[in-house]
Amino acid sequence: MKPGIHPEYTAAQITCSCGAVIETRSTRDHISVEICSQCHPFYTGKQRLVDTAGRVERFKRKYGETRSDD
């Protein structure tokens, strides 16, 4: 590696919107996320629908619920 061209790799905090704080290392000192492993439905087993804008319903209305049974 060439000296002097790489950013500093220091301790960092990741803060989730659920309030969880994770300590790690990064080139940034603070990172904010919306969903972490402590509140993500895949890891917790809880089903939480994140569709806030009604995208699924709009898609179904626009294109219908057609299924191909080939």
C-alpha atoms as a PDB file:
ATOM      1  CA  MET A   1       0.000   0.000   0.000  1.00  0.00           C
ATOM      2  CA  LYS A   2       1.199   3.486  -0.771  1.00  0.00           C
ATOM      3  CA  PRO A   3       1.718   5.642   2.319  1.00  0.00           C
ATOM      4  CA  GLY A   4      -0.327   8.809   2.773  1.00  0.00           C
ATOM      5  CA  ILE A   5      -3.203   8.114   0.352  1.00  0.00           C
ATOM      6  CA  HIS A   6      -5.505   5.989   2.524  1.00  0.00           C
ATOM      7  CA  PRO A   7      -8.101   7.474   4.914  1.00  0.00           C
ATOM      8  CA  GLU A   8      -7.871   6.958   8.670  1.00  0.00           C
ATOM      9  CA  TYR A   9      -9.612   3.796   9.888  1.00  0.00           C
ATOM     10  CA  THR A  10     -10.804   4.615  13.416  1.00  0.00           C
ATOM     11  CA  ALA A  11     -13.452   3.587  15.944  1.00  0.00           C
ATOM     12  CA  ALA A  12     -17.007   4.434  14.899  1.00  0.00           C
ATOM     13  CA  GLN A  13     -20.544   4.260  16.303  1.00  0.00           C
ATOM     14  CA  ILE A  14     -23.532   3.034  14.328  1.00  0.00           C
ATOM     15  CA  THR A  15     -26.835   4.362  15.703  1.00  0.00           C
ATOM     16  CA  CYS A  16     -30.140   2.781  14.651  1.00  0.00           C
ATOM     17  CA  SER A  17     -33.519   4.500  14.737  1.00  0.00           C
ATOM     18  CA  CYS A  18     -34.626   1.866  17.285  1.00  0.00           C
ATOM     19  CA  GLY A  19     -31.973   3.168  19.691  1.00  0.00           C
ATOM     20  CA  ALA A  20     -29.375   0.419  19.336  1.00  0.00           C
ATOM     21  CA  VAL A  21     -25.741   1.540  19.289  1.00  0.00           C
ATOM     22  CA  ILE A  22     -23.088  -0.671  17.679  1.00  0.00           C
ATOM     23  CA  GLU A  23     -19.348  -0.076  18.050  1.00  0.00           C
ATOM     24  CA  THR A  24     -17.210  -0.845  14.995  1.00  0.00           C
ATOM     25  CA  ARG A  25     -14.379   0.613  12.918  1.00  0.00           C
ATOM     26  CA  SER A  26     -14.818   2.776   9.836  1.00  0.00           C
ATOM     27  CA  THR A  27     -13.434   5.725   7.933  1.00  0.00           C
ATOM     28  CA  ARG A  28     -16.383   7.745   9.298  1.00  0.00           C
ATOM     29  CA  ASP A  29     -16.823   8.471  13.003  1.00  0.00           C
ATOM     30  CA  HIS A  30     -20.647   8.215  13.160  1.00  0.00           C
ATOM     31  CA  ILE A  31     -23.170   6.331  10.986  1.00  0.00           C
ATOM     32  CA  SER A  32     -26.989   6.483  11.300  1.00  0.00           C
ATOM     33  CA  VAL A  33     -29.187   3.650   9.979  1.00  0.00           C
ATOM     34  CA  GLU A  34     -32.936   3.036   9.911  1.00  0.00           C
ATOM     35  CA  ILE A  35     -32.969  -0.759  10.412  1.00  0.00           C
ATOM     36  CA  CYS A  36     -30.341  -2.853  12.209  1.00  0.00           C
ATOM     37  CA  SER A  37     -30.000  -6.532  13.085  1.00  0.00           C
ATOM     38  CA  GLN A  38     -31.804  -5.970  16.403  1.00  0.00           C
ATOM     39  CA  CYS A  39     -34.992  -4.623  14.792  1.00  0.00           C
ATOM     40  CA  HIS A  40     -34.941  -6.196  11.280  1.00  0.00           C
ATOM     41  CA  PRO A  41     -37.801  -8.702  10.782  1.00  0.00           C
ATOM     42  CA  PHE A  42     -35.502 -11.337   9.262  1.00  0.00           C
ATOM     43  CA  TYR A  43     -33.343 -11.518  12.380  1.00  0.00           C
ATOM     44  CA  THR A  44     -36.031 -10.941  15.033  1.00  0.00           C
ATOM     45  CA  GLY A  45     -38.712 -13.226  13.578  1.00  0.00           C
ATOM     46  CA  LYS A  46     -41.310 -10.473  13.974  1.00  0.00           C
ATOM     47  CA  GLN A  47     -43.206  -9.504  10.858  1.00  0.00           C
ATOM     48  CA  ARG A  48     -43.188  -5.740  10.467  1.00  0.00           C
ATOM     49  CA  LEU A  49     -44.370  -4.323   7.170  1.00  0.00           C
ATOM     50  CA  VAL A  50     -42.177  -1.425   6.075  1.00  0.00           C
ATOM     51  CA  ASP A  51     -44.412  -0.435   3.138  1.00  0.00           C
ATOM     52  CA  THR A  52     -45.259   3.111   4.222  1.00  0.00           C
ATOM     53  CA  ALA A  53     -46.192   4.542   0.851  1.00  0.00           C
ATOM     54  CA  GLY A  54     -48.616   1.784  -0.206  1.00  0.00           C
ATOM     55  CA  ARG A  55     -46.378   0.708  -3.063  1.00  0.00           C
ATOM     56  CA  VAL A  56     -47.588  -2.895  -3.039  1.00  0.00           C
ATOM     57  CA  GLU A  57     -51.256  -1.887  -3.213  1.00  0.00           C
ATOM     58  CA  ARG A  58     -50.593   0.604  -6.012  1.00  0.00           C
ATOM     59  CA  PHE A  59     -48.690  -2.059  -7.962  1.00  0.00           C
ATOM     60  CA  LYS A  60     -51.536  -4.575  -7.540  1.00  0.00           C
ATOM     61  CA  ARG A  61     -54.126  -1.991  -8.635  1.00  0.00           C
ATOM     62  CA  LYS A  62     -52.071  -0.960 -11.648  1.00  0.00           C
ATOM     63  CA  TYR A  63     -51.071  -4.376 -12.917  1.00  0.00           C
ATOM     64  CA  GLY A  64     -53.632  -6.641 -11.263  1.00  0.00           C
ATOM     65  CA  GLU A  65     -52.925  -9.916  -9.573  1.00  0.00           C
ATOM     66  CA  THR A  66     -52.289 -12.112 -12.565  1.00  0.00           C
ATOM     67  CA  ARG A  67     -50.516 -15.410 -12.047  1.00  0.00           C
ATOM     68  CA  SER A  68     -49.125 -17.713 -14.633  1.00  0.00           C
ATOM     69  CA  ASP A  69     -49.503 -21.406 -13.719  1.00  0.00           C
ATOM     70  CA  ASP A  70     -47.119 -22.767 -16.355  1.00  0.00           C
END
